N, C-alpha and C. Protein backbone atom coordinates (compact mmCIF):
# COMPACT_ATOMS: atom_id res chain seq x y z
N MET A 1 -40.71 -63.66 135.51
CA MET A 1 -40.64 -64.02 134.11
C MET A 1 -39.27 -64.66 133.85
N LYS A 2 -39.25 -65.69 133.09
CA LYS A 2 -38.00 -66.38 132.81
C LYS A 2 -37.12 -65.56 131.88
N MET A 3 -35.83 -65.78 132.02
CA MET A 3 -34.87 -65.02 131.24
C MET A 3 -35.02 -65.29 129.74
N GLN A 4 -35.32 -66.51 129.36
CA GLN A 4 -35.47 -66.83 127.95
C GLN A 4 -36.63 -66.07 127.32
N MET A 5 -37.71 -65.92 128.06
CA MET A 5 -38.86 -65.17 127.55
C MET A 5 -38.53 -63.69 127.39
N ILE A 6 -37.79 -63.14 128.33
CA ILE A 6 -37.40 -61.74 128.25
C ILE A 6 -36.48 -61.52 127.05
N LEU A 7 -35.50 -62.40 126.89
CA LEU A 7 -34.59 -62.28 125.75
C LEU A 7 -35.34 -62.41 124.43
N THR A 8 -36.30 -63.30 124.37
CA THR A 8 -37.09 -63.47 123.16
C THR A 8 -37.90 -62.22 122.85
N LYS A 9 -38.50 -61.64 123.86
CA LYS A 9 -39.30 -60.42 123.65
C LYS A 9 -38.43 -59.24 123.25
N VAL A 10 -37.23 -59.12 123.83
CA VAL A 10 -36.31 -58.05 123.45
C VAL A 10 -35.90 -58.22 122.00
N TYR A 11 -35.55 -59.44 121.61
CA TYR A 11 -35.14 -59.70 120.23
C TYR A 11 -36.30 -59.45 119.26
N ARG A 12 -37.50 -59.87 119.64
CA ARG A 12 -38.65 -59.68 118.78
C ARG A 12 -38.96 -58.20 118.57
N SER A 13 -38.89 -57.41 119.62
CA SER A 13 -39.15 -55.97 119.50
C SER A 13 -38.10 -55.28 118.64
N SER A 14 -36.85 -55.62 118.89
CA SER A 14 -35.75 -55.03 118.13
C SER A 14 -35.84 -55.43 116.66
N SER A 15 -36.11 -56.68 116.42
CA SER A 15 -36.20 -57.18 115.05
C SER A 15 -37.38 -56.56 114.31
N LEU A 16 -38.49 -56.37 114.98
CA LEU A 16 -39.67 -55.79 114.36
C LEU A 16 -39.39 -54.38 113.85
N VAL A 17 -38.71 -53.58 114.65
CA VAL A 17 -38.38 -52.20 114.25
C VAL A 17 -37.45 -52.20 113.05
N ILE A 18 -36.40 -52.99 113.12
CA ILE A 18 -35.39 -52.97 112.06
C ILE A 18 -35.92 -53.57 110.77
N VAL A 19 -36.63 -54.68 110.85
CA VAL A 19 -37.18 -55.31 109.64
C VAL A 19 -38.19 -54.38 108.97
N ALA A 20 -39.01 -53.70 109.75
CA ALA A 20 -40.00 -52.79 109.17
C ALA A 20 -39.33 -51.64 108.43
N VAL A 21 -38.30 -51.05 109.02
CA VAL A 21 -37.62 -49.93 108.36
C VAL A 21 -36.89 -50.40 107.10
N VAL A 22 -36.20 -51.53 107.19
CA VAL A 22 -35.46 -52.04 106.03
C VAL A 22 -36.42 -52.44 104.91
N LEU A 23 -37.53 -53.06 105.25
CA LEU A 23 -38.51 -53.43 104.24
C LEU A 23 -39.10 -52.20 103.56
N LEU A 24 -39.39 -51.19 104.33
CA LEU A 24 -39.91 -49.95 103.77
C LEU A 24 -38.89 -49.30 102.83
N LEU A 25 -37.63 -49.28 103.23
CA LEU A 25 -36.59 -48.70 102.37
C LEU A 25 -36.40 -49.52 101.10
N CYS A 26 -36.47 -50.83 101.21
CA CYS A 26 -36.33 -51.67 100.02
C CYS A 26 -37.47 -51.42 99.04
N LEU A 27 -38.67 -51.25 99.56
CA LEU A 27 -39.81 -50.99 98.69
C LEU A 27 -39.73 -49.60 98.07
N ILE A 28 -39.24 -48.63 98.82
CA ILE A 28 -39.08 -47.27 98.27
C ILE A 28 -38.02 -47.25 97.19
N CYS A 29 -36.92 -47.98 97.40
CA CYS A 29 -35.83 -48.03 96.41
C CYS A 29 -36.12 -48.99 95.27
N LYS A 30 -37.25 -49.70 95.34
CA LYS A 30 -37.68 -50.65 94.30
C LYS A 30 -36.63 -51.74 94.04
N TRP A 31 -36.19 -52.37 95.13
CA TRP A 31 -35.26 -53.47 95.00
C TRP A 31 -35.99 -54.70 94.47
N PRO A 32 -35.27 -55.61 93.78
CA PRO A 32 -35.90 -56.87 93.34
C PRO A 32 -36.22 -57.76 94.54
N LEU A 33 -37.11 -58.71 94.33
CA LEU A 33 -37.59 -59.56 95.42
C LEU A 33 -36.47 -60.34 96.09
N PHE A 34 -35.52 -60.84 95.33
CA PHE A 34 -34.41 -61.58 95.92
C PHE A 34 -33.58 -60.70 96.84
N MET A 35 -33.31 -59.47 96.42
CA MET A 35 -32.53 -58.55 97.26
C MET A 35 -33.31 -58.13 98.50
N ILE A 36 -34.63 -58.04 98.41
CA ILE A 36 -35.45 -57.72 99.58
C ILE A 36 -35.36 -58.85 100.60
N MET A 37 -35.39 -60.10 100.12
CA MET A 37 -35.26 -61.24 101.02
C MET A 37 -33.91 -61.26 101.70
N VAL A 38 -32.84 -60.95 100.97
CA VAL A 38 -31.49 -60.89 101.55
C VAL A 38 -31.41 -59.77 102.58
N ALA A 39 -32.03 -58.62 102.27
CA ALA A 39 -32.00 -57.49 103.20
C ALA A 39 -32.77 -57.81 104.48
N ILE A 40 -33.86 -58.52 104.37
CA ILE A 40 -34.62 -58.89 105.57
C ILE A 40 -33.84 -59.89 106.41
N LEU A 41 -33.17 -60.84 105.78
CA LEU A 41 -32.33 -61.78 106.54
C LEU A 41 -31.18 -61.05 107.22
N ALA A 42 -30.58 -60.08 106.54
CA ALA A 42 -29.50 -59.30 107.16
C ALA A 42 -30.04 -58.45 108.30
N SER A 43 -31.24 -57.91 108.16
CA SER A 43 -31.79 -57.08 109.23
C SER A 43 -32.13 -57.90 110.47
N VAL A 44 -32.45 -59.17 110.29
CA VAL A 44 -32.66 -60.04 111.44
C VAL A 44 -31.36 -60.21 112.21
N ALA A 45 -30.24 -60.30 111.51
CA ALA A 45 -28.94 -60.39 112.18
C ALA A 45 -28.53 -59.05 112.80
N ILE A 46 -28.91 -57.95 112.17
CA ILE A 46 -28.57 -56.63 112.70
C ILE A 46 -29.30 -56.36 114.01
N SER A 47 -30.43 -57.00 114.23
CA SER A 47 -31.20 -56.76 115.45
C SER A 47 -30.74 -57.57 116.65
N SER A 48 -29.69 -58.34 116.53
CA SER A 48 -29.24 -59.18 117.64
C SER A 48 -28.40 -58.49 118.71
N PRO A 49 -27.77 -57.33 118.51
CA PRO A 49 -26.93 -56.76 119.58
C PRO A 49 -27.63 -56.52 120.90
N ALA A 50 -28.89 -56.14 120.91
CA ALA A 50 -29.58 -55.90 122.18
C ALA A 50 -29.70 -57.19 122.98
N THR A 51 -30.03 -58.27 122.31
CA THR A 51 -30.17 -59.55 123.00
C THR A 51 -28.84 -60.05 123.51
N ILE A 52 -27.81 -59.90 122.70
CA ILE A 52 -26.48 -60.36 123.11
C ILE A 52 -25.98 -59.57 124.31
N SER A 53 -26.11 -58.26 124.27
CA SER A 53 -25.62 -57.45 125.39
C SER A 53 -26.45 -57.68 126.65
N LEU A 54 -27.76 -57.86 126.50
CA LEU A 54 -28.59 -58.13 127.67
C LEU A 54 -28.23 -59.48 128.30
N HIS A 55 -28.06 -60.48 127.49
CA HIS A 55 -27.71 -61.79 128.02
C HIS A 55 -26.36 -61.75 128.71
N PHE A 56 -25.40 -61.05 128.13
CA PHE A 56 -24.08 -60.93 128.75
C PHE A 56 -24.16 -60.16 130.06
N MET A 57 -24.95 -59.10 130.11
CA MET A 57 -25.03 -58.30 131.34
C MET A 57 -25.75 -59.05 132.45
N VAL A 58 -26.77 -59.82 132.13
CA VAL A 58 -27.44 -60.61 133.16
C VAL A 58 -26.49 -61.65 133.71
N TRP A 59 -25.76 -62.30 132.83
CA TRP A 59 -24.78 -63.29 133.27
C TRP A 59 -23.70 -62.64 134.13
N LEU A 60 -23.20 -61.49 133.69
CA LEU A 60 -22.15 -60.80 134.42
C LEU A 60 -22.64 -60.29 135.77
N SER A 61 -23.86 -59.77 135.81
CA SER A 61 -24.38 -59.27 137.09
C SER A 61 -24.64 -60.40 138.08
N HIS A 62 -24.94 -61.58 137.58
CA HIS A 62 -25.13 -62.72 138.48
C HIS A 62 -23.80 -63.26 138.98
N LYS A 63 -22.77 -63.20 138.16
CA LYS A 63 -21.47 -63.71 138.57
C LYS A 63 -20.73 -62.74 139.49
N LEU A 64 -20.80 -61.45 139.19
CA LEU A 64 -20.01 -60.46 139.93
C LEU A 64 -20.82 -59.66 140.94
N ASN A 65 -22.13 -59.85 140.99
CA ASN A 65 -23.00 -59.11 141.90
C ASN A 65 -22.82 -57.60 141.72
N LEU A 66 -23.06 -57.15 140.51
CA LEU A 66 -22.91 -55.74 140.16
C LEU A 66 -24.07 -54.92 140.71
N GLU A 67 -23.81 -53.65 140.91
CA GLU A 67 -24.89 -52.74 141.28
C GLU A 67 -25.83 -52.57 140.10
N ARG A 68 -27.09 -52.31 140.41
CA ARG A 68 -28.11 -52.22 139.38
C ARG A 68 -27.84 -51.07 138.40
N GLY A 69 -27.48 -49.92 138.89
CA GLY A 69 -27.23 -48.77 138.01
C GLY A 69 -26.03 -48.99 137.10
N PHE A 70 -24.99 -49.61 137.64
CA PHE A 70 -23.81 -49.89 136.84
C PHE A 70 -24.12 -50.90 135.74
N ALA A 71 -24.94 -51.90 136.05
CA ALA A 71 -25.31 -52.89 135.04
C ALA A 71 -26.10 -52.23 133.91
N TRP A 72 -27.00 -51.30 134.25
CA TRP A 72 -27.76 -50.60 133.22
C TRP A 72 -26.84 -49.74 132.36
N MET A 73 -25.86 -49.07 132.98
CA MET A 73 -24.93 -48.24 132.19
C MET A 73 -24.12 -49.08 131.22
N ILE A 74 -23.63 -50.20 131.67
CA ILE A 74 -22.86 -51.09 130.79
C ILE A 74 -23.75 -51.65 129.69
N LEU A 75 -24.99 -51.99 130.03
CA LEU A 75 -25.92 -52.50 129.03
C LEU A 75 -26.17 -51.47 127.94
N PHE A 76 -26.46 -50.23 128.32
CA PHE A 76 -26.73 -49.19 127.33
C PHE A 76 -25.48 -48.81 126.53
N ALA A 77 -24.31 -48.90 127.15
CA ALA A 77 -23.08 -48.55 126.45
C ALA A 77 -22.64 -49.64 125.47
N SER A 78 -23.01 -50.88 125.73
CA SER A 78 -22.56 -51.97 124.85
C SER A 78 -23.39 -52.08 123.57
N ILE A 79 -24.59 -51.56 123.57
CA ILE A 79 -25.44 -51.66 122.37
C ILE A 79 -24.84 -50.93 121.17
N PRO A 80 -24.32 -49.68 121.30
CA PRO A 80 -23.71 -49.05 120.12
C PRO A 80 -22.49 -49.80 119.60
N LEU A 81 -21.69 -50.35 120.48
CA LEU A 81 -20.51 -51.09 120.03
C LEU A 81 -20.90 -52.35 119.26
N LEU A 82 -21.82 -53.11 119.79
CA LEU A 82 -22.26 -54.32 119.09
C LEU A 82 -23.04 -53.97 117.82
N SER A 83 -23.75 -52.86 117.83
CA SER A 83 -24.45 -52.42 116.61
C SER A 83 -23.46 -52.01 115.53
N LEU A 84 -22.34 -51.42 115.93
CA LEU A 84 -21.30 -51.06 114.95
C LEU A 84 -20.71 -52.31 114.30
N ILE A 85 -20.47 -53.33 115.09
CA ILE A 85 -19.95 -54.58 114.53
C ILE A 85 -20.95 -55.19 113.55
N ALA A 86 -22.22 -55.24 113.95
CA ALA A 86 -23.25 -55.79 113.05
C ALA A 86 -23.42 -54.92 111.81
N ALA A 87 -23.33 -53.61 111.96
CA ALA A 87 -23.47 -52.71 110.81
C ALA A 87 -22.33 -52.87 109.83
N CYS A 88 -21.12 -53.03 110.34
CA CYS A 88 -19.97 -53.23 109.45
C CYS A 88 -20.07 -54.56 108.69
N LEU A 89 -20.62 -55.57 109.34
CA LEU A 89 -20.72 -56.87 108.70
C LEU A 89 -21.85 -56.95 107.67
N PHE A 90 -22.98 -56.27 107.93
CA PHE A 90 -24.16 -56.47 107.11
C PHE A 90 -24.63 -55.24 106.35
N ALA A 91 -23.86 -54.17 106.32
CA ALA A 91 -24.31 -52.94 105.65
C ALA A 91 -24.40 -53.11 104.14
N HIS A 92 -23.68 -54.04 103.57
CA HIS A 92 -23.71 -54.23 102.12
C HIS A 92 -24.99 -54.90 101.64
N TYR A 93 -25.72 -55.50 102.57
CA TYR A 93 -26.91 -56.26 102.18
C TYR A 93 -28.22 -55.51 102.38
N VAL A 94 -28.15 -54.32 102.97
CA VAL A 94 -29.36 -53.52 103.21
C VAL A 94 -29.18 -52.16 102.56
N PRO A 95 -30.27 -51.44 102.29
CA PRO A 95 -30.12 -50.11 101.71
C PRO A 95 -29.45 -49.16 102.71
N GLY A 96 -28.50 -48.41 102.24
CA GLY A 96 -27.79 -47.46 103.10
C GLY A 96 -26.39 -47.91 103.41
N LYS A 97 -25.64 -47.01 103.97
CA LYS A 97 -24.25 -47.29 104.34
C LYS A 97 -24.19 -47.70 105.81
N VAL A 98 -22.96 -47.90 106.29
CA VAL A 98 -22.75 -48.30 107.68
C VAL A 98 -23.33 -47.25 108.63
N TRP A 99 -23.19 -45.98 108.29
CA TRP A 99 -23.64 -44.91 109.17
C TRP A 99 -25.15 -44.74 109.16
N PHE A 100 -25.85 -45.46 108.30
CA PHE A 100 -27.30 -45.53 108.39
C PHE A 100 -27.73 -46.77 109.16
N VAL A 101 -27.03 -47.87 108.95
CA VAL A 101 -27.39 -49.13 109.61
C VAL A 101 -27.05 -49.07 111.10
N LEU A 102 -25.98 -48.34 111.45
CA LEU A 102 -25.60 -48.22 112.86
C LEU A 102 -26.70 -47.57 113.71
N PRO A 103 -27.21 -46.37 113.35
CA PRO A 103 -28.30 -45.81 114.17
C PRO A 103 -29.57 -46.65 114.14
N LEU A 104 -29.81 -47.32 113.02
CA LEU A 104 -30.97 -48.19 112.94
C LEU A 104 -30.84 -49.36 113.92
N GLY A 105 -29.66 -49.95 113.98
CA GLY A 105 -29.41 -51.03 114.94
C GLY A 105 -29.49 -50.56 116.37
N MET A 106 -28.97 -49.36 116.63
CA MET A 106 -29.05 -48.80 117.98
C MET A 106 -30.50 -48.51 118.37
N LEU A 107 -31.26 -47.94 117.44
CA LEU A 107 -32.67 -47.66 117.71
C LEU A 107 -33.43 -48.94 118.01
N GLY A 108 -33.23 -49.95 117.20
CA GLY A 108 -33.90 -51.22 117.45
C GLY A 108 -33.48 -51.84 118.77
N GLY A 109 -32.21 -51.74 119.10
CA GLY A 109 -31.72 -52.28 120.37
C GLY A 109 -32.32 -51.58 121.57
N TYR A 110 -32.35 -50.25 121.52
CA TYR A 110 -32.92 -49.51 122.64
C TYR A 110 -34.42 -49.70 122.75
N VAL A 111 -35.11 -49.82 121.63
CA VAL A 111 -36.55 -50.10 121.68
C VAL A 111 -36.78 -51.46 122.33
N GLY A 112 -35.98 -52.44 121.95
CA GLY A 112 -36.12 -53.77 122.55
C GLY A 112 -35.86 -53.77 124.04
N ILE A 113 -34.85 -53.03 124.48
CA ILE A 113 -34.53 -52.95 125.90
C ILE A 113 -35.61 -52.20 126.66
N PHE A 114 -36.05 -51.07 126.12
CA PHE A 114 -37.03 -50.25 126.83
C PHE A 114 -38.42 -50.90 126.90
N THR A 115 -38.77 -51.72 125.93
CA THR A 115 -40.08 -52.37 125.99
C THR A 115 -40.14 -53.41 127.10
N GLN A 116 -39.02 -53.95 127.50
CA GLN A 116 -38.97 -54.95 128.57
C GLN A 116 -38.20 -54.44 129.78
N GLY A 117 -38.21 -53.14 129.98
CA GLY A 117 -37.41 -52.53 131.05
C GLY A 117 -37.74 -53.04 132.44
N LEU A 118 -39.01 -53.21 132.76
CA LEU A 118 -39.38 -53.68 134.10
C LEU A 118 -38.94 -55.13 134.33
N ALA A 119 -39.11 -55.96 133.34
CA ALA A 119 -38.70 -57.35 133.48
C ALA A 119 -37.18 -57.46 133.58
N ILE A 120 -36.47 -56.62 132.85
CA ILE A 120 -35.00 -56.64 132.91
C ILE A 120 -34.53 -56.17 134.28
N SER A 121 -35.17 -55.15 134.83
CA SER A 121 -34.77 -54.69 136.16
C SER A 121 -35.03 -55.76 137.21
N LYS A 122 -36.06 -56.57 137.02
CA LYS A 122 -36.29 -57.69 137.95
C LYS A 122 -35.18 -58.72 137.83
N LEU A 123 -34.67 -58.92 136.62
CA LEU A 123 -33.55 -59.85 136.46
C LEU A 123 -32.31 -59.34 137.18
N PHE A 124 -32.07 -58.03 137.11
CA PHE A 124 -30.92 -57.46 137.80
C PHE A 124 -31.11 -57.45 139.31
N ASN A 125 -32.35 -57.47 139.80
CA ASN A 125 -32.62 -57.39 141.23
C ASN A 125 -32.70 -58.75 141.92
N GLN A 126 -32.64 -59.83 141.18
CA GLN A 126 -32.78 -61.15 141.80
C GLN A 126 -31.64 -61.39 142.79
N ASP A 127 -31.99 -62.00 143.91
CA ASP A 127 -30.91 -62.39 144.83
C ASP A 127 -30.40 -63.77 144.45
N LYS A 128 -29.40 -64.24 145.17
CA LYS A 128 -28.72 -65.48 144.79
C LYS A 128 -29.64 -66.69 144.85
N ASN A 129 -30.53 -66.78 145.82
CA ASN A 129 -31.43 -67.93 145.93
C ASN A 129 -32.39 -68.00 144.75
N GLU A 130 -32.92 -66.86 144.32
CA GLU A 130 -33.83 -66.85 143.18
C GLU A 130 -33.11 -67.24 141.90
N ARG A 131 -31.86 -66.81 141.75
CA ARG A 131 -31.09 -67.18 140.55
C ARG A 131 -30.89 -68.68 140.47
N GLU A 132 -30.56 -69.29 141.60
CA GLU A 132 -30.31 -70.72 141.59
C GLU A 132 -31.60 -71.50 141.27
N GLU A 133 -32.76 -70.99 141.71
CA GLU A 133 -34.01 -71.65 141.39
C GLU A 133 -34.32 -71.58 139.91
N ASN A 134 -33.97 -70.48 139.26
CA ASN A 134 -34.25 -70.31 137.83
C ASN A 134 -33.33 -71.16 136.96
N TYR A 135 -32.17 -71.52 137.45
CA TYR A 135 -31.22 -72.26 136.64
C TYR A 135 -31.11 -73.72 137.01
N THR A 136 -32.03 -74.24 137.80
CA THR A 136 -31.98 -75.64 138.14
C THR A 136 -32.44 -76.49 136.95
N ILE A 137 -31.84 -77.64 136.81
CA ILE A 137 -32.19 -78.56 135.74
C ILE A 137 -33.10 -79.62 136.32
N ASP A 138 -34.25 -79.80 135.72
CA ASP A 138 -35.23 -80.78 136.24
C ASP A 138 -34.87 -82.18 135.83
């Protein structure tokens, strides 16, 4: 499976979880329609840390030839840090404070990673010849 497809599926899974929770909270809190639209746009940005950390780890594992277990540990450890950055930036636009948006972003990130776990492990297991075939320009 191509890396772009995996990244898209991770982002889609993460975004689906976060948008659904934020939309439900907006409807429970009876926010106006304009604020609901702003909250959904912010939640789409909050769901990006999983994709960013996965893309960085795949790139790093291909450049440095990291061990598979170490790459997974760094991947899982980077999601809370990137979720904290996204939560600090976008917590004012969604219902809840930073400490609510942070676990929501982490949950969405881990759901996105775990739904594509087998495909991600194949990306980490590729040898150098397979990597070069995937990145050739036609």
